[in-house]
Amino acid sequence: MAMKKTDLEKNKALKLNNAMKQAGANRAGKGTATAPVADRREQRKLDQAQGLVAFACKLNGELVNELKTRAATHPDGLNGLLDEVIRRGLAG
């Protein structure tokens, strides 16, 4: 059974799109994914050795902006600032 010219063109376009997606995925994955993954693993090990645990919560946007502003000048950055503020708050 012969295919119509439009069907042939659609198939060509689908093949081209799939080939472009494959090439893009291969390019983006080479060299970029290996280094950050190793860095993240190493960072996770360092954090665990210090007894640090990830803790996510939702905060008001204005509060987050204020924290980011203050963290810019804090010697230990955002994590250090939050540790200090929470400890002070819990102490009372």
PDB file of N, CA and C in Angstrom:
ATOM      1  N   MET A   1       0.844  -1.179   0.000  1.00  0.00           N
ATOM      2  CA  MET A   1       0.000   0.000   0.000  1.00  0.00           C
ATOM      3  C   MET A   1       0.890   1.243   0.000  1.00  0.00           C
ATOM      4  N   ALA A   2       0.652   2.124  -0.932  1.00  0.00           N
ATOM      5  CA  ALA A   2       1.461   3.332  -1.081  1.00  0.00           C
ATOM      6  C   ALA A   2       0.983   4.395  -0.106  1.00  0.00           C
ATOM      7  N   MET A   3       1.957   5.113   0.446  1.00  0.00           N
ATOM      8  CA  MET A   3       1.614   6.186   1.377  1.00  0.00           C
ATOM      9  C   MET A   3       1.420   7.485   0.609  1.00  0.00           C
ATOM     10  N   LYS A   4       0.566   8.319   1.136  1.00  0.00           N
ATOM     11  CA  LYS A   4       0.366   9.630   0.525  1.00  0.00           C
ATOM     12  C   LYS A   4       1.584  10.494   0.806  1.00  0.00           C
ATOM     13  N   LYS A   5       1.773  11.472  -0.068  1.00  0.00           N
ATOM     14  CA  LYS A   5       2.909  12.373   0.107  1.00  0.00           C
ATOM     15  C   LYS A   5       2.853  13.094   1.454  1.00  0.00           C
ATOM     16  N   THR A   6       1.664  13.483   1.899  1.00  0.00           N
ATOM     17  CA  THR A   6       1.547  14.184   3.191  1.00  0.00           C
ATOM     18  C   THR A   6       1.938  13.268   4.352  1.00  0.00           C
ATOM     19  N   ASP A   7       1.568  11.987   4.259  1.00  0.00           N
ATOM     20  CA  ASP A   7       1.947  11.038   5.307  1.00  0.00           C
ATOM     21  C   ASP A   7       3.456  10.854   5.355  1.00  0.00           C
ATOM     22  N   LEU A   8       4.082  10.805   4.186  1.00  0.00           N
ATOM     23  CA  LEU A   8       5.538  10.681   4.131  1.00  0.00           C
ATOM     24  C   LEU A   8       6.207  11.895   4.776  1.00  0.00           C
ATOM     25  N   GLU A   9       5.691  13.084   4.489  1.00  0.00           N
ATOM     26  CA  GLU A   9       6.258  14.303   5.056  1.00  0.00           C
ATOM     27  C   GLU A   9       6.064  14.351   6.573  1.00  0.00           C
ATOM     28  N   LYS A  10       4.899  13.895   7.041  1.00  0.00           N
ATOM     29  CA  LYS A  10       4.675  13.850   8.488  1.00  0.00           C
ATOM     30  C   LYS A  10       5.665  12.907   9.160  1.00  0.00           C
ATOM     31  N   ASN A  11       5.890  11.757   8.545  1.00  0.00           N
ATOM     32  CA  ASN A  11       6.845  10.797   9.101  1.00  0.00           C
ATOM     33  C   ASN A  11       8.254  11.378   9.138  1.00  0.00           C
ATOM     34  N   LYS A  12       8.632  12.081   8.073  1.00  0.00           N
ATOM     35  CA  LYS A  12       9.955  12.720   8.042  1.00  0.00           C
ATOM     36  C   LYS A  12      10.085  13.739   9.174  1.00  0.00           C
ATOM     37  N   ALA A  13       9.032  14.525   9.357  1.00  0.00           N
ATOM     38  CA  ALA A  13       9.057  15.546  10.406  1.00  0.00           C
ATOM     39  C   ALA A  13       9.154  14.902  11.789  1.00  0.00           C
ATOM     40  N   LEU A  14       8.405  13.825  12.018  1.00  0.00           N
ATOM     41  CA  LEU A  14       8.465  13.133  13.304  1.00  0.00           C
ATOM     42  C   LEU A  14       9.857  12.568  13.558  1.00  0.00           C
ATOM     43  N   LYS A  15      10.461  11.972  12.538  1.00  0.00           N
ATOM     44  CA  LYS A  15      11.807  11.422  12.671  1.00  0.00           C
ATOM     45  C   LYS A  15      12.806  12.528  12.985  1.00  0.00           C
ATOM     46  N   LEU A  16      12.672  13.658  12.298  1.00  0.00           N
ATOM     47  CA  LEU A  16      13.574  14.778  12.518  1.00  0.00           C
ATOM     48  C   LEU A  16      13.423  15.321  13.942  1.00  0.00           C
ATOM     49  N   ASN A  17      12.171  15.495  14.389  1.00  0.00           N
ATOM     50  CA  ASN A  17      11.940  15.989  15.756  1.00  0.00           C
ATOM     51  C   ASN A  17      12.519  15.035  16.794  1.00  0.00           C
ATOM     52  N   ASN A  18      12.311  13.744  16.606  1.00  0.00           N
ATOM     53  CA  ASN A  18      12.854  12.761  17.550  1.00  0.00           C
ATOM     54  C   ASN A  18      14.372  12.784  17.545  1.00  0.00           C
ATOM     55  N   ALA A  19      14.974  12.905  16.369  1.00  0.00           N
ATOM     56  CA  ALA A  19      16.432  12.950  16.276  1.00  0.00           C
ATOM     57  C   ALA A  19      16.980  14.186  16.981  1.00  0.00           C
ATOM     58  N   MET A  20      16.284  15.315  16.830  1.00  0.00           N
ATOM     59  CA  MET A  20      16.729  16.547  17.483  1.00  0.00           C
ATOM     60  C   MET A  20      16.601  16.441  18.998  1.00  0.00           C
ATOM     61  N   LYS A  21      15.513  15.816  19.472  1.00  0.00           N
ATOM     62  CA  LYS A  21      15.341  15.628  20.910  1.00  0.00           C
ATOM     63  C   LYS A  21      16.438  14.731  21.467  1.00  0.00           C
ATOM     64  N   GLN A  22      16.750  13.654  20.756  1.00  0.00           N
ATOM     65  CA  GLN A  22      17.803  12.739  21.193  1.00  0.00           C
ATOM     66  C   GLN A  22      19.146  13.449  21.240  1.00  0.00           C
ATOM     67  N   ALA A  23      19.454  14.225  20.201  1.00  0.00           N
ATOM     68  CA  ALA A  23      20.736  14.932  20.148  1.00  0.00           C
ATOM     69  C   ALA A  23      20.819  15.954  21.274  1.00  0.00           C
ATOM     70  N   GLY A  24      19.741  16.654  21.558  1.00  0.00           N
ATOM     71  CA  GLY A  24      19.721  17.645  22.628  1.00  0.00           C
ATOM     72  C   GLY A  24      19.914  16.995  23.981  1.00  0.00           C
ATOM     73  N   ALA A  25      19.280  15.858  24.205  1.00  0.00           N
ATOM     74  CA  ALA A  25      19.410  15.156  25.477  1.00  0.00           C
ATOM     75  C   ALA A  25      20.833  14.643  25.648  1.00  0.00           C
ATOM     76  N   ASN A  26      21.420  14.153  24.600  1.00  0.00           N
ATOM     77  CA  ASN A  26      22.786  13.642  24.683  1.00  0.00           C
ATOM     78  C   ASN A  26      23.778  14.765  24.944  1.00  0.00           C
ATOM     79  N   ARG A  27      23.600  15.885  24.270  1.00  0.00           N
ATOM     80  CA  ARG A  27      24.511  17.012  24.456  1.00  0.00           C
ATOM     81  C   ARG A  27      24.423  17.562  25.857  1.00  0.00           C
ATOM     82  N   ALA A  28      23.203  17.742  26.336  1.00  0.00           N
ATOM     83  CA  ALA A  28      23.035  18.336  27.669  1.00  0.00           C
ATOM     84  C   ALA A  28      23.538  17.401  28.753  1.00  0.00           C
ATOM     85  N   GLY A  29      23.469  16.125  28.520  1.00  0.00           N
ATOM     86  CA  GLY A  29      23.851  15.166  29.541  1.00  0.00           C
ATOM     87  C   GLY A  29      25.343  14.912  29.624  1.00  0.00           C
ATOM     88  N   LYS A  30      26.081  15.221  28.584  1.00  0.00           N
ATOM     89  CA  LYS A  30      27.516  14.919  28.587  1.00  0.00           C
ATOM     90  C   LYS A  30      28.310  16.023  29.243  1.00  0.00           C
ATOM     91  N   GLY A  31      29.090  15.632  30.237  1.00  0.00           N
ATOM     92  CA  GLY A  31      29.999  16.575  30.866  1.00  0.00           C
ATOM     93  C   GLY A  31      29.362  17.447  31.926  1.00  0.00           C
ATOM     94  N   THR A  32      28.095  17.769  31.780  1.00  0.00           N
ATOM     95  CA  THR A  32      27.483  18.663  32.752  1.00  0.00           C
ATOM     96  C   THR A  32      26.905  17.910  33.930  1.00  0.00           C
ATOM     97  N   ALA A  33      26.366  16.730  33.695  1.00  0.00           N
ATOM     98  CA  ALA A  33      25.695  16.009  34.777  1.00  0.00           C
ATOM     99  C   ALA A  33      26.687  15.306  35.701  1.00  0.00           C
ATOM    100  N   THR A  34      27.844  14.935  35.201  1.00  0.00           N
ATOM    101  CA  THR A  34      28.752  14.146  36.023  1.00  0.00           C
ATOM    102  C   THR A  34      29.402  14.967  37.125  1.00  0.00           C
ATOM    103  N   ALA A  35      29.839  16.164  36.840  1.00  0.00           N
ATOM    104  CA  ALA A  35      30.527  16.969  37.845  1.00  0.00           C
ATOM    105  C   ALA A  35      29.597  17.413  38.978  1.00  0.00           C
ATOM    106  N   PRO A  36      28.420  18.003  38.683  1.00  0.00           N
ATOM    107  CA  PRO A  36      27.563  18.440  39.778  1.00  0.00           C
ATOM    108  C   PRO A  36      27.078  17.291  40.650  1.00  0.00           C
ATOM    109  N   VAL A  37      26.834  16.109  40.068  1.00  0.00           N
ATOM    110  CA  VAL A  37      26.373  14.978  40.865  1.00  0.00           C
ATOM    111  C   VAL A  37      27.446  14.599  41.874  1.00  0.00           C
ATOM    112  N   ALA A  38      28.699  14.531  41.425  1.00  0.00           N
ATOM    113  CA  ALA A  38      29.790  14.194  42.334  1.00  0.00           C
ATOM    114  C   ALA A  38      29.924  15.270  43.416  1.00  0.00           C
ATOM    115  N   ASP A  39      29.777  16.534  43.030  1.00  0.00           N
ATOM    116  CA  ASP A  39      29.864  17.618  44.003  1.00  0.00           C
ATOM    117  C   ASP A  39      28.727  17.528  45.022  1.00  0.00           C
ATOM    118  N   ARG A  40      27.532  17.196  44.562  1.00  0.00           N
ATOM    119  CA  ARG A  40      26.398  17.073  45.461  1.00  0.00           C
ATOM    120  C   ARG A  40      26.596  15.921  46.435  1.00  0.00           C
ATOM    121  N   ARG A  41      27.122  14.808  45.922  1.00  0.00           N
ATOM    122  CA  ARG A  41      27.385  13.669  46.802  1.00  0.00           C
ATOM    123  C   ARG A  41      28.410  14.035  47.869  1.00  0.00           C
ATOM    124  N   GLU A  42      29.458  14.697  47.440  1.00  0.00           N
ATOM    125  CA  GLU A  42      30.499  15.106  48.379  1.00  0.00           C
ATOM    126  C   GLU A  42      29.936  16.086  49.407  1.00  0.00           C
ATOM    127  N   GLN A  43      29.127  17.037  48.941  1.00  0.00           N
ATOM    128  CA  GLN A  43      28.521  18.009  49.845  1.00  0.00           C
ATOM    129  C   GLN A  43      27.605  17.308  50.837  1.00  0.00           C
ATOM    130  N   ARG A  44      26.835  16.323  50.374  1.00  0.00           N
ATOM    131  CA  ARG A  44      25.941  15.572  51.251  1.00  0.00           C
ATOM    132  C   ARG A  44      26.736  14.862  52.346  1.00  0.00           C
ATOM    133  N   LYS A  45      27.879  14.270  51.961  1.00  0.00           N
ATOM    134  CA  LYS A  45      28.733  13.593  52.946  1.00  0.00           C
ATOM    135  C   LYS A  45      29.264  14.585  53.979  1.00  0.00           C
ATOM    136  N   LEU A  46      29.697  15.747  53.511  1.00  0.00           N
ATOM    137  CA  LEU A  46      30.196  16.774  54.431  1.00  0.00           C
ATOM    138  C   LEU A  46      29.096  17.244  55.379  1.00  0.00           C
ATOM    139  N   ASP A  47      27.896  17.455  54.834  1.00  0.00           N
ATOM    140  CA  ASP A  47      26.770  17.893  55.665  1.00  0.00           C
ATOM    141  C   ASP A  47      26.428  16.842  56.720  1.00  0.00           C
ATOM    142  N   GLN A  48      26.410  15.575  56.302  1.00  0.00           N
ATOM    143  CA  GLN A  48      26.096  14.502  57.250  1.00  0.00           C
ATOM    144  C   GLN A  48      27.145  14.427  58.351  1.00  0.00           C
ATOM    145  N   ALA A  49      28.408  14.616  58.000  1.00  0.00           N
ATOM    146  CA  ALA A  49      29.481  14.573  58.998  1.00  0.00           C
ATOM    147  C   ALA A  49      29.308  15.682  60.037  1.00  0.00           C
ATOM    148  N   GLN A  50      28.725  16.808  59.621  1.00  0.00           N
ATOM    149  CA  GLN A  50      28.495  17.926  60.544  1.00  0.00           C
ATOM    150  C   GLN A  50      27.153  17.804  61.269  1.00  0.00           C
ATOM    151  N   GLY A  51      26.402  16.739  60.958  1.00  0.00           N
ATOM    152  CA  GLY A  51      25.099  16.548  61.591  1.00  0.00           C
ATOM    153  C   GLY A  51      24.004  17.412  60.988  1.00  0.00           C
ATOM    154  N   LEU A  52      24.228  17.931  59.785  1.00  0.00           N
ATOM    155  CA  LEU A  52      23.236  18.798  59.148  1.00  0.00           C
ATOM    156  C   LEU A  52      22.173  17.963  58.441  1.00  0.00           C
ATOM    157  N   VAL A  53      20.932  18.419  58.506  1.00  0.00           N
ATOM    158  CA  VAL A  53      19.807  17.742  57.882  1.00  0.00           C
ATOM    159  C   VAL A  53      19.020  18.787  57.098  1.00  0.00           C
ATOM    160  N   ALA A  54      18.616  18.448  55.887  1.00  0.00           N
ATOM    161  CA  ALA A  54      17.793  19.356  55.083  1.00  0.00           C
ATOM    162  C   ALA A  54      16.432  19.517  55.747  1.00  0.00           C
ATOM    163  N   PHE A  55      15.923  20.754  55.779  1.00  0.00           N
ATOM    164  CA  PHE A  55      14.652  21.044  56.421  1.00  0.00           C
ATOM    165  C   PHE A  55      13.932  22.088  55.581  1.00  0.00           C
ATOM    166  N   ALA A  56      12.840  21.704  54.976  1.00  0.00           N
ATOM    167  CA  ALA A  56      12.097  22.620  54.108  1.00  0.00           C
ATOM    168  C   ALA A  56      10.830  23.093  54.804  1.00  0.00           C
ATOM    169  N   CYS A  57      10.486  24.355  54.594  1.00  0.00           N
ATOM    170  CA  CYS A  57       9.244  24.894  55.125  1.00  0.00           C
ATOM    171  C   CYS A  57       8.808  26.045  54.228  1.00  0.00           C
ATOM    172  N   LYS A  58       7.587  26.475  54.398  1.00  0.00           N
ATOM    173  CA  LYS A  58       7.063  27.591  53.613  1.00  0.00           C
ATOM    174  C   LYS A  58       7.010  28.834  54.490  1.00  0.00           C
ATOM    175  N   LEU A  59       7.548  29.921  53.953  1.00  0.00           N
ATOM    176  CA  LEU A  59       7.591  31.181  54.687  1.00  0.00           C
ATOM    177  C   LEU A  59       6.981  32.287  53.844  1.00  0.00           C
ATOM    178  N   ASN A  60       6.557  33.336  54.498  1.00  0.00           N
ATOM    179  CA  ASN A  60       6.035  34.520  53.837  1.00  0.00           C
ATOM    180  C   ASN A  60       7.115  35.126  52.933  1.00  0.00           C
ATOM    181  N   GLY A  61       6.739  35.577  51.758  1.00  0.00           N
ATOM    182  CA  GLY A  61       7.686  36.131  50.789  1.00  0.00           C
ATOM    183  C   GLY A  61       8.481  37.310  51.314  1.00  0.00           C
ATOM    184  N   GLU A  62       7.829  38.197  52.068  1.00  0.00           N
ATOM    185  CA  GLU A  62       8.532  39.352  52.628  1.00  0.00           C
ATOM    186  C   GLU A  62       9.591  38.909  53.639  1.00  0.00           C
ATOM    187  N   LEU A  63       9.256  37.899  54.432  1.00  0.00           N
ATOM    188  CA  LEU A  63      10.209  37.369  55.401  1.00  0.00           C
ATOM    189  C   LEU A  63      11.413  36.751  54.687  1.00  0.00           C
ATOM    190  N   VAL A  64      11.155  36.029  53.617  1.00  0.00           N
ATOM    191  CA  VAL A  64      12.240  35.411  52.845  1.00  0.00           C
ATOM    192  C   VAL A  64      13.159  36.482  52.273  1.00  0.00           C
ATOM    193  N   ASN A  65      12.584  37.546  51.739  1.00  0.00           N
ATOM    194  CA  ASN A  65      13.405  38.636  51.199  1.00  0.00           C
ATOM    195  C   ASN A  65      14.267  39.274  52.283  1.00  0.00           C
ATOM    196  N   GLU A  66      13.675  39.477  53.473  1.00  0.00           N
ATOM    197  CA  GLU A  66      14.429  40.041  54.596  1.00  0.00           C
ATOM    198  C   GLU A  66      15.577  39.112  55.009  1.00  0.00           C
ATOM    199  N   LEU A  67      15.291  37.812  55.057  1.00  0.00           N
ATOM    200  CA  LEU A  67      16.336  36.835  55.408  1.00  0.00           C
ATOM    201  C   LEU A  67      17.461  36.838  54.383  1.00  0.00           C
ATOM    202  N   LYS A  68      17.097  36.889  53.113  1.00  0.00           N
ATOM    203  CA  LYS A  68      18.120  36.906  52.054  1.00  0.00           C
ATOM    204  C   LYS A  68      18.979  38.164  52.146  1.00  0.00           C
ATOM    205  N   THR A  69      18.339  39.297  52.452  1.00  0.00           N
ATOM    206  CA  THR A  69      19.077  40.549  52.581  1.00  0.00           C
ATOM    207  C   THR A  69      20.077  40.467  53.732  1.00  0.00           C
ATOM    208  N   ARG A  70      19.616  39.970  54.871  1.00  0.00           N
ATOM    209  CA  ARG A  70      20.513  39.857  56.030  1.00  0.00           C
ATOM    210  C   ARG A  70      21.581  38.785  55.821  1.00  0.00           C
ATOM    211  N   ALA A  71      21.221  37.713  55.121  1.00  0.00           N
ATOM    212  CA  ALA A  71      22.167  36.619  54.883  1.00  0.00           C
ATOM    213  C   ALA A  71      23.328  37.061  53.999  1.00  0.00           C
ATOM    214  N   ALA A  72      23.097  38.067  53.172  1.00  0.00           N
ATOM    215  CA  ALA A  72      24.153  38.554  52.275  1.00  0.00           C
ATOM    216  C   ALA A  72      25.352  39.081  53.054  1.00  0.00           C
ATOM    217  N   THR A  73      25.105  39.584  54.262  1.00  0.00           N
ATOM    218  CA  THR A  73      26.208  40.127  55.069  1.00  0.00           C
ATOM    219  C   THR A  73      26.607  39.206  56.226  1.00  0.00           C
ATOM    220  N   HIS A  74      25.890  38.109  56.385  1.00  0.00           N
ATOM    221  CA  HIS A  74      26.210  37.170  57.479  1.00  0.00           C
ATOM    222  C   HIS A  74      27.407  36.316  57.074  1.00  0.00           C
ATOM    223  N   PRO A  75      28.357  36.097  57.968  1.00  0.00           N
ATOM    224  CA  PRO A  75      29.566  35.337  57.610  1.00  0.00           C
ATOM    225  C   PRO A  75      29.294  33.902  57.159  1.00  0.00           C
ATOM    226  N   ASP A  76      28.228  33.285  57.682  1.00  0.00           N
ATOM    227  CA  ASP A  76      27.914  31.906  57.303  1.00  0.00           C
ATOM    228  C   ASP A  76      26.750  31.812  56.321  1.00  0.00           C
ATOM    229  N   GLY A  77      26.363  32.914  55.726  1.00  0.00           N
ATOM    230  CA  GLY A  77      25.304  32.902  54.722  1.00  0.00           C
ATOM    231  C   GLY A  77      23.938  32.612  55.314  1.00  0.00           C
ATOM    232  N   LEU A  78      23.039  32.169  54.459  1.00  0.00           N
ATOM    233  CA  LEU A  78      21.648  31.942  54.858  1.00  0.00           C
ATOM    234  C   LEU A  78      21.538  30.832  55.904  1.00  0.00           C
ATOM    235  N   ASN A  79      22.267  29.736  55.711  1.00  0.00           N
ATOM    236  CA  ASN A  79      22.186  28.642  56.687  1.00  0.00           C
ATOM    237  C   ASN A  79      22.649  29.095  58.062  1.00  0.00           C
ATOM    238  N   GLY A  80      23.738  29.816  58.123  1.00  0.00           N
ATOM    239  CA  GLY A  80      24.237  30.303  59.409  1.00  0.00           C
ATOM    240  C   GLY A  80      23.287  31.276  60.060  1.00  0.00           C
ATOM    241  N   LEU A  81      22.722  32.174  59.254  1.00  0.00           N
ATOM    242  CA  LEU A  81      21.770  33.144  59.783  1.00  0.00           C
ATOM    243  C   LEU A  81      20.553  32.449  60.364  1.00  0.00           C
ATOM    244  N   LEU A  82      19.981  31.510  59.622  1.00  0.00           N
ATOM    245  CA  LEU A  82      18.797  30.809  60.107  1.00  0.00           C
ATOM    246  C   LEU A  82      19.104  30.007  61.367  1.00  0.00           C
ATOM    247  N   ASP A  83      20.248  29.377  61.408  1.00  0.00           N
ATOM    248  CA  ASP A  83      20.643  28.632  62.606  1.00  0.00           C
ATOM    249  C   ASP A  83      20.693  29.566  63.806  1.00  0.00           C
ATOM    250  N   GLU A  84      21.309  30.714  63.619  1.00  0.00           N
ATOM    251  CA  GLU A  84      21.457  31.691  64.703  1.00  0.00           C
ATOM    252  C   GLU A  84      20.097  32.217  65.164  1.00  0.00           C
ATOM    253  N   VAL A  85      19.250  32.607  64.214  1.00  0.00           N
ATOM    254  CA  VAL A  85      17.934  33.171  64.542  1.00  0.00           C
ATOM    255  C   VAL A  85      17.046  32.151  65.241  1.00  0.00           C
ATOM    256  N   ILE A  86      17.037  30.926  64.750  1.00  0.00           N
ATOM    257  CA  ILE A  86      16.183  29.901  65.351  1.00  0.00           C
ATOM    258  C   ILE A  86      16.669  29.544  66.752  1.00  0.00           C
ATOM    259  N   ARG A  87      17.986  29.417  66.922  1.00  0.00           N
ATOM    260  CA  ARG A  87      18.512  29.109  68.246  1.00  0.00           C
ATOM    261  C   ARG A  87      18.159  30.215  69.248  1.00  0.00           C
ATOM    262  N   ARG A  88      18.306  31.478  68.816  1.00  0.00           N
ATOM    263  CA  ARG A  88      17.967  32.602  69.696  1.00  0.00           C
ATOM    264  C   ARG A  88      16.473  32.572  70.036  1.00  0.00           C
ATOM    265  N   GLY A  89      15.664  32.294  69.035  1.00  0.00           N
ATOM    266  CA  GLY A  89      14.210  32.248  69.266  1.00  0.00           C
ATOM    267  C   GLY A  89      13.807  31.126  70.198  1.00  0.00           C
ATOM    268  N   LEU A  90      14.421  29.976  70.051  1.00  0.00           N
ATOM    269  CA  LEU A  90      14.077  28.843  70.913  1.00  0.00           C
ATOM    270  C   LEU A  90      14.584  29.035  72.340  1.00  0.00           C
ATOM    271  N   ALA A  91      15.695  29.745  72.483  1.00  0.00           N
ATOM    272  CA  ALA A  91      16.257  29.978  73.809  1.00  0.00           C
ATOM    273  C   ALA A  91      15.377  30.933  74.609  1.00  0.00           C
ATOM    274  N   GLY A  92      14.642  31.757  73.886  1.00  0.00           N
ATOM    275  CA  GLY A  92      13.731  32.495  74.542  1.00  0.00           C
ATOM    276  C   GLY A  92      13.452  33.775  74.953  1.00  0.00           C
TER     277      GLY A  92
END
